[in-house]
Amino acid sequence: MRTENNLKKQIKSTSKLKIDYKQVVYMAADINYTMVYFKNGVSKMFAYTLKKFEENLAIRESFKRIHRGYLVNQLFVEAWQKRQVMLVGGYKLPISRRVNYHQIKCLYQSQGLV
């Protein structure tokens, strides 16, 4: 139990740190927490939901919600397929069936990724 309480305290204390969104490759939902994956390979957990991050105006334009559990920084997309996005660092993430295929296709075509 002690280690669980220490982990929760650590998560709460790191949640107050400012994030340089230009260094974030993607974010993954984990119930009421969000794992943030950075360009340098480091990942950190924050005590905020993915929806809270998505609502932040600072990231609204550079990030795209590709799945219920993922927010992707469009600057780090290397390749795109119909149901999968490949990111810098070798990350492969699924694209939800609910995401509008044509919107995603147009977005990535404009960036020359299709």
N, C-alpha and C. Protein backbone atom coordinates (compact mmCIF):
# COMPACT_ATOMS: atom_id res chain seq x y z
N MET A 1 0.81 -1.19 0.00
CA MET A 1 0.00 0.00 0.00
C MET A 1 0.86 1.27 0.00
N ARG A 2 1.96 1.22 0.69
CA ARG A 2 2.80 2.41 0.75
C ARG A 2 3.30 2.82 -0.63
N THR A 3 3.74 1.85 -1.41
CA THR A 3 4.25 2.19 -2.73
C THR A 3 3.14 2.75 -3.61
N GLU A 4 1.93 2.25 -3.47
CA GLU A 4 0.79 2.77 -4.25
C GLU A 4 0.51 4.23 -3.88
N ASN A 5 0.55 4.54 -2.58
CA ASN A 5 0.34 5.93 -2.14
C ASN A 5 1.47 6.83 -2.62
N ASN A 6 2.70 6.34 -2.58
CA ASN A 6 3.83 7.13 -3.05
C ASN A 6 3.71 7.42 -4.55
N LEU A 7 3.25 6.42 -5.31
CA LEU A 7 3.08 6.61 -6.75
C LEU A 7 2.02 7.66 -7.02
N LYS A 8 0.91 7.62 -6.28
CA LYS A 8 -0.15 8.61 -6.47
C LYS A 8 0.35 10.01 -6.13
N LYS A 9 1.15 10.15 -5.06
CA LYS A 9 1.71 11.46 -4.71
C LYS A 9 2.65 11.94 -5.80
N GLN A 10 3.46 11.05 -6.34
CA GLN A 10 4.38 11.42 -7.40
C GLN A 10 3.63 11.87 -8.63
N ILE A 11 2.57 11.16 -8.98
CA ILE A 11 1.77 11.53 -10.15
C ILE A 11 1.15 12.90 -9.95
N LYS A 12 0.60 13.14 -8.76
CA LYS A 12 -0.02 14.44 -8.50
C LYS A 12 1.00 15.56 -8.54
N SER A 13 2.20 15.32 -8.02
CA SER A 13 3.20 16.38 -8.02
C SER A 13 3.72 16.66 -9.43
N THR A 14 3.85 15.63 -10.28
CA THR A 14 4.33 15.87 -11.63
C THR A 14 3.25 16.47 -12.50
N SER A 15 2.00 16.35 -12.09
CA SER A 15 0.90 16.90 -12.89
C SER A 15 0.93 18.41 -12.96
N LYS A 16 1.58 19.04 -12.02
CA LYS A 16 1.61 20.49 -12.00
C LYS A 16 2.73 21.07 -12.87
N LEU A 17 3.57 20.20 -13.41
CA LEU A 17 4.66 20.67 -14.27
C LEU A 17 4.11 21.16 -15.60
N LYS A 18 4.77 22.13 -16.16
CA LYS A 18 4.39 22.61 -17.48
C LYS A 18 4.97 21.65 -18.52
N ILE A 19 4.22 21.45 -19.59
CA ILE A 19 4.65 20.55 -20.64
C ILE A 19 4.98 21.35 -21.89
N ASP A 20 6.12 21.05 -22.49
CA ASP A 20 6.46 21.63 -23.79
C ASP A 20 5.80 20.75 -24.85
N TYR A 21 4.63 21.17 -25.34
CA TYR A 21 3.86 20.34 -26.25
C TYR A 21 4.56 20.10 -27.58
N LYS A 22 5.55 20.91 -27.91
CA LYS A 22 6.31 20.69 -29.15
C LYS A 22 7.18 19.45 -29.06
N GLN A 23 7.44 18.97 -27.84
CA GLN A 23 8.27 17.78 -27.63
C GLN A 23 7.45 16.51 -27.44
N VAL A 24 6.12 16.64 -27.37
CA VAL A 24 5.24 15.49 -27.14
C VAL A 24 4.94 14.79 -28.46
N VAL A 25 5.19 13.49 -28.53
CA VAL A 25 4.90 12.70 -29.73
C VAL A 25 3.43 12.29 -29.70
N TYR A 26 2.98 11.71 -28.58
CA TYR A 26 1.57 11.36 -28.44
C TYR A 26 1.21 11.21 -26.98
N MET A 27 -0.09 11.14 -26.72
CA MET A 27 -0.63 10.93 -25.38
C MET A 27 -1.57 9.74 -25.42
N ALA A 28 -1.51 8.93 -24.37
CA ALA A 28 -2.35 7.74 -24.29
C ALA A 28 -3.17 7.77 -23.01
N ALA A 29 -4.46 7.47 -23.12
CA ALA A 29 -5.36 7.45 -21.97
C ALA A 29 -5.12 6.21 -21.13
N ASP A 30 -5.22 6.39 -19.82
CA ASP A 30 -5.13 5.28 -18.88
C ASP A 30 -6.10 5.58 -17.74
N ILE A 31 -7.36 5.32 -17.97
CA ILE A 31 -8.48 5.61 -17.07
C ILE A 31 -8.49 7.11 -16.76
N ASN A 32 -8.20 7.53 -15.53
CA ASN A 32 -8.19 8.96 -15.20
C ASN A 32 -6.80 9.57 -15.25
N TYR A 33 -5.88 8.88 -15.86
CA TYR A 33 -4.51 9.36 -16.02
C TYR A 33 -4.18 9.41 -17.51
N THR A 34 -3.12 10.11 -17.83
CA THR A 34 -2.65 10.17 -19.21
C THR A 34 -1.15 9.96 -19.23
N MET A 35 -0.72 9.03 -20.06
CA MET A 35 0.71 8.83 -20.29
C MET A 35 1.11 9.74 -21.45
N VAL A 36 2.14 10.54 -21.22
CA VAL A 36 2.63 11.45 -22.25
C VAL A 36 3.99 10.94 -22.70
N TYR A 37 4.13 10.72 -24.02
CA TYR A 37 5.36 10.19 -24.60
C TYR A 37 6.09 11.32 -25.32
N PHE A 38 7.33 11.57 -24.93
CA PHE A 38 8.12 12.67 -25.46
C PHE A 38 9.07 12.21 -26.56
N LYS A 39 9.54 13.17 -27.32
CA LYS A 39 10.44 12.91 -28.45
C LYS A 39 11.73 12.22 -28.02
N ASN A 40 12.24 12.52 -26.84
CA ASN A 40 13.50 11.94 -26.38
C ASN A 40 13.33 10.53 -25.81
N GLY A 41 12.12 9.95 -25.89
CA GLY A 41 11.89 8.59 -25.44
C GLY A 41 11.36 8.48 -24.02
N VAL A 42 11.32 9.58 -23.30
CA VAL A 42 10.83 9.60 -21.93
C VAL A 42 9.31 9.62 -21.95
N SER A 43 8.69 8.94 -20.98
CA SER A 43 7.23 9.01 -20.83
C SER A 43 6.91 9.36 -19.39
N LYS A 44 5.86 10.15 -19.19
CA LYS A 44 5.45 10.56 -17.85
C LYS A 44 3.95 10.41 -17.73
N MET A 45 3.51 10.09 -16.52
CA MET A 45 2.09 9.95 -16.25
C MET A 45 1.58 11.21 -15.54
N PHE A 46 0.41 11.67 -15.97
CA PHE A 46 -0.20 12.85 -15.38
C PHE A 46 -1.59 12.51 -14.88
N ALA A 47 -2.00 13.13 -13.80
CA ALA A 47 -3.30 12.87 -13.19
C ALA A 47 -4.39 13.73 -13.82
N TYR A 48 -4.44 13.72 -15.13
CA TYR A 48 -5.48 14.40 -15.89
C TYR A 48 -5.99 13.43 -16.94
N THR A 49 -7.25 13.56 -17.29
CA THR A 49 -7.78 12.71 -18.35
C THR A 49 -7.29 13.21 -19.70
N LEU A 50 -7.38 12.35 -20.68
CA LEU A 50 -7.00 12.74 -22.04
C LEU A 50 -7.88 13.88 -22.54
N LYS A 51 -9.13 13.87 -22.13
CA LYS A 51 -10.06 14.93 -22.52
C LYS A 51 -9.60 16.29 -22.00
N LYS A 52 -9.05 16.35 -20.79
CA LYS A 52 -8.54 17.61 -20.25
C LYS A 52 -7.39 18.13 -21.10
N PHE A 53 -6.50 17.23 -21.51
CA PHE A 53 -5.40 17.64 -22.38
C PHE A 53 -5.94 18.14 -23.72
N GLU A 54 -6.93 17.42 -24.24
CA GLU A 54 -7.49 17.79 -25.54
C GLU A 54 -8.17 19.16 -25.49
N GLU A 55 -8.77 19.49 -24.38
CA GLU A 55 -9.45 20.77 -24.23
C GLU A 55 -8.49 21.95 -24.09
N ASN A 56 -7.24 21.65 -23.80
CA ASN A 56 -6.23 22.71 -23.65
C ASN A 56 -6.02 23.41 -24.99
N LEU A 57 -6.20 24.68 -25.02
CA LEU A 57 -6.09 25.43 -26.28
C LEU A 57 -4.69 25.38 -26.88
N ALA A 58 -3.68 25.20 -26.05
CA ALA A 58 -2.30 25.20 -26.55
C ALA A 58 -2.04 24.03 -27.49
N ILE A 59 -2.78 22.93 -27.34
CA ILE A 59 -2.50 21.76 -28.18
C ILE A 59 -3.58 21.47 -29.19
N ARG A 60 -4.65 22.22 -29.18
CA ARG A 60 -5.79 21.90 -30.03
C ARG A 60 -5.42 21.83 -31.51
N GLU A 61 -4.56 22.71 -31.99
CA GLU A 61 -4.26 22.74 -33.42
C GLU A 61 -3.20 21.73 -33.85
N SER A 62 -2.26 21.41 -32.99
CA SER A 62 -1.19 20.52 -33.40
C SER A 62 -1.48 19.05 -33.11
N PHE A 63 -2.50 18.76 -32.32
CA PHE A 63 -2.83 17.39 -31.96
C PHE A 63 -4.15 16.96 -32.58
N LYS A 64 -4.21 15.67 -32.91
CA LYS A 64 -5.41 15.10 -33.50
C LYS A 64 -5.79 13.85 -32.71
N ARG A 65 -7.06 13.74 -32.38
CA ARG A 65 -7.56 12.56 -31.68
C ARG A 65 -7.83 11.50 -32.72
N ILE A 66 -7.03 10.44 -32.73
CA ILE A 66 -7.17 9.38 -33.74
C ILE A 66 -7.91 8.17 -33.20
N HIS A 67 -8.10 8.15 -31.89
CA HIS A 67 -8.70 6.99 -31.23
C HIS A 67 -9.21 7.47 -29.88
N ARG A 68 -10.11 6.72 -29.31
CA ARG A 68 -10.64 7.10 -28.00
C ARG A 68 -9.52 7.23 -26.97
N GLY A 69 -8.46 6.50 -27.16
CA GLY A 69 -7.37 6.47 -26.19
C GLY A 69 -6.10 7.19 -26.60
N TYR A 70 -6.10 7.89 -27.75
CA TYR A 70 -4.84 8.50 -28.22
C TYR A 70 -5.03 9.89 -28.79
N LEU A 71 -4.10 10.77 -28.43
CA LEU A 71 -3.94 12.08 -29.06
C LEU A 71 -2.56 12.07 -29.71
N VAL A 72 -2.48 12.43 -30.96
CA VAL A 72 -1.21 12.36 -31.70
C VAL A 72 -0.78 13.76 -32.12
N ASN A 73 0.51 14.06 -31.92
CA ASN A 73 1.07 15.30 -32.41
C ASN A 73 1.35 15.12 -33.90
N GLN A 74 0.68 15.90 -34.73
CA GLN A 74 0.78 15.74 -36.18
C GLN A 74 2.19 16.00 -36.70
N LEU A 75 2.99 16.72 -35.95
CA LEU A 75 4.36 17.02 -36.39
C LEU A 75 5.26 15.78 -36.39
N PHE A 76 4.86 14.74 -35.65
CA PHE A 76 5.69 13.54 -35.51
C PHE A 76 5.16 12.35 -36.30
N VAL A 77 4.19 12.56 -37.17
CA VAL A 77 3.66 11.47 -37.98
C VAL A 77 4.61 11.22 -39.15
N GLU A 78 5.08 9.97 -39.26
CA GLU A 78 5.97 9.60 -40.37
C GLU A 78 5.21 8.99 -41.52
N ALA A 79 4.25 8.14 -41.22
CA ALA A 79 3.48 7.46 -42.26
C ALA A 79 2.08 7.20 -41.74
N TRP A 80 1.18 6.97 -42.68
CA TRP A 80 -0.23 6.77 -42.36
C TRP A 80 -0.79 5.66 -43.22
N GLN A 81 -1.59 4.81 -42.61
CA GLN A 81 -2.33 3.80 -43.35
C GLN A 81 -3.79 3.94 -42.94
N LYS A 82 -4.65 3.17 -43.54
CA LYS A 82 -6.08 3.33 -43.28
C LYS A 82 -6.43 3.22 -41.80
N ARG A 83 -5.86 2.30 -41.09
CA ARG A 83 -6.20 2.10 -39.68
C ARG A 83 -5.00 2.17 -38.74
N GLN A 84 -3.91 2.81 -39.17
CA GLN A 84 -2.72 2.86 -38.33
C GLN A 84 -1.88 4.09 -38.66
N VAL A 85 -1.29 4.69 -37.64
CA VAL A 85 -0.38 5.82 -37.81
C VAL A 85 0.98 5.41 -37.29
N MET A 86 2.04 5.67 -38.07
CA MET A 86 3.40 5.42 -37.64
C MET A 86 4.03 6.76 -37.26
N LEU A 87 4.62 6.78 -36.06
CA LEU A 87 5.18 8.01 -35.53
C LEU A 87 6.69 7.93 -35.42
N VAL A 88 7.33 9.08 -35.26
CA VAL A 88 8.77 9.15 -35.01
C VAL A 88 9.06 8.32 -33.76
N GLY A 89 10.12 7.58 -33.79
CA GLY A 89 10.49 6.74 -32.67
C GLY A 89 9.95 5.32 -32.77
N GLY A 90 9.31 4.99 -33.90
CA GLY A 90 8.84 3.64 -34.13
C GLY A 90 7.49 3.32 -33.50
N TYR A 91 6.80 4.31 -32.97
CA TYR A 91 5.48 4.07 -32.39
C TYR A 91 4.46 3.80 -33.49
N LYS A 92 3.61 2.81 -33.28
CA LYS A 92 2.50 2.50 -34.19
C LYS A 92 1.22 2.53 -33.38
N LEU A 93 0.29 3.38 -33.79
CA LEU A 93 -0.96 3.53 -33.05
C LEU A 93 -2.15 3.26 -33.96
N PRO A 94 -3.20 2.65 -33.42
CA PRO A 94 -4.39 2.37 -34.22
C PRO A 94 -5.23 3.63 -34.42
N ILE A 95 -5.94 3.65 -35.54
CA ILE A 95 -6.92 4.70 -35.81
C ILE A 95 -8.29 4.07 -35.62
N SER A 96 -9.13 4.73 -34.85
CA SER A 96 -10.46 4.21 -34.56
C SER A 96 -11.32 4.15 -35.81
N ARG A 97 -12.24 3.20 -35.83
CA ARG A 97 -13.19 3.12 -36.94
C ARG A 97 -14.14 4.31 -36.93
N ARG A 98 -14.34 4.91 -35.76
CA ARG A 98 -15.24 6.06 -35.65
C ARG A 98 -14.66 7.35 -36.19
N VAL A 99 -13.35 7.41 -36.29
CA VAL A 99 -12.71 8.61 -36.82
C VAL A 99 -13.03 8.70 -38.30
N ASN A 100 -13.39 9.88 -38.74
CA ASN A 100 -13.77 10.09 -40.13
C ASN A 100 -12.56 9.85 -41.03
N TYR A 101 -12.61 8.79 -41.79
CA TYR A 101 -11.51 8.37 -42.66
C TYR A 101 -11.12 9.47 -43.65
N HIS A 102 -12.09 10.14 -44.22
CA HIS A 102 -11.80 11.15 -45.24
C HIS A 102 -11.11 12.38 -44.64
N GLN A 103 -11.48 12.77 -43.43
CA GLN A 103 -10.81 13.89 -42.77
C GLN A 103 -9.35 13.57 -42.52
N ILE A 104 -9.10 12.38 -42.00
CA ILE A 104 -7.72 11.96 -41.72
C ILE A 104 -6.93 11.88 -43.03
N LYS A 105 -7.53 11.30 -44.06
CA LYS A 105 -6.84 11.14 -45.34
C LYS A 105 -6.47 12.50 -45.91
N CYS A 106 -7.39 13.45 -45.89
CA CYS A 106 -7.11 14.80 -46.40
C CYS A 106 -6.02 15.48 -45.59
N LEU A 107 -6.08 15.31 -44.28
CA LEU A 107 -5.08 15.91 -43.40
C LEU A 107 -3.69 15.42 -43.75
N TYR A 108 -3.54 14.10 -43.86
CA TYR A 108 -2.22 13.53 -44.11
C TYR A 108 -1.77 13.70 -45.56
N GLN A 109 -2.71 13.78 -46.50
CA GLN A 109 -2.34 14.06 -47.88
C GLN A 109 -1.76 15.46 -47.98
N SER A 110 -2.33 16.39 -47.25
CA SER A 110 -1.83 17.77 -47.29
C SER A 110 -0.41 17.85 -46.73
N GLN A 111 -0.05 16.88 -45.88
CA GLN A 111 1.30 16.83 -45.32
C GLN A 111 2.22 15.90 -46.11
N GLY A 112 1.68 15.28 -47.17
CA GLY A 112 2.48 14.39 -48.01
C GLY A 112 2.81 13.06 -47.36
N LEU A 113 1.93 12.56 -46.51
CA LEU A 113 2.21 11.34 -45.76
C LEU A 113 1.47 10.12 -46.27
N VAL A 114 0.69 10.25 -47.32
CA VAL A 114 -0.06 9.09 -47.81
C VAL A 114 0.70 8.42 -48.94
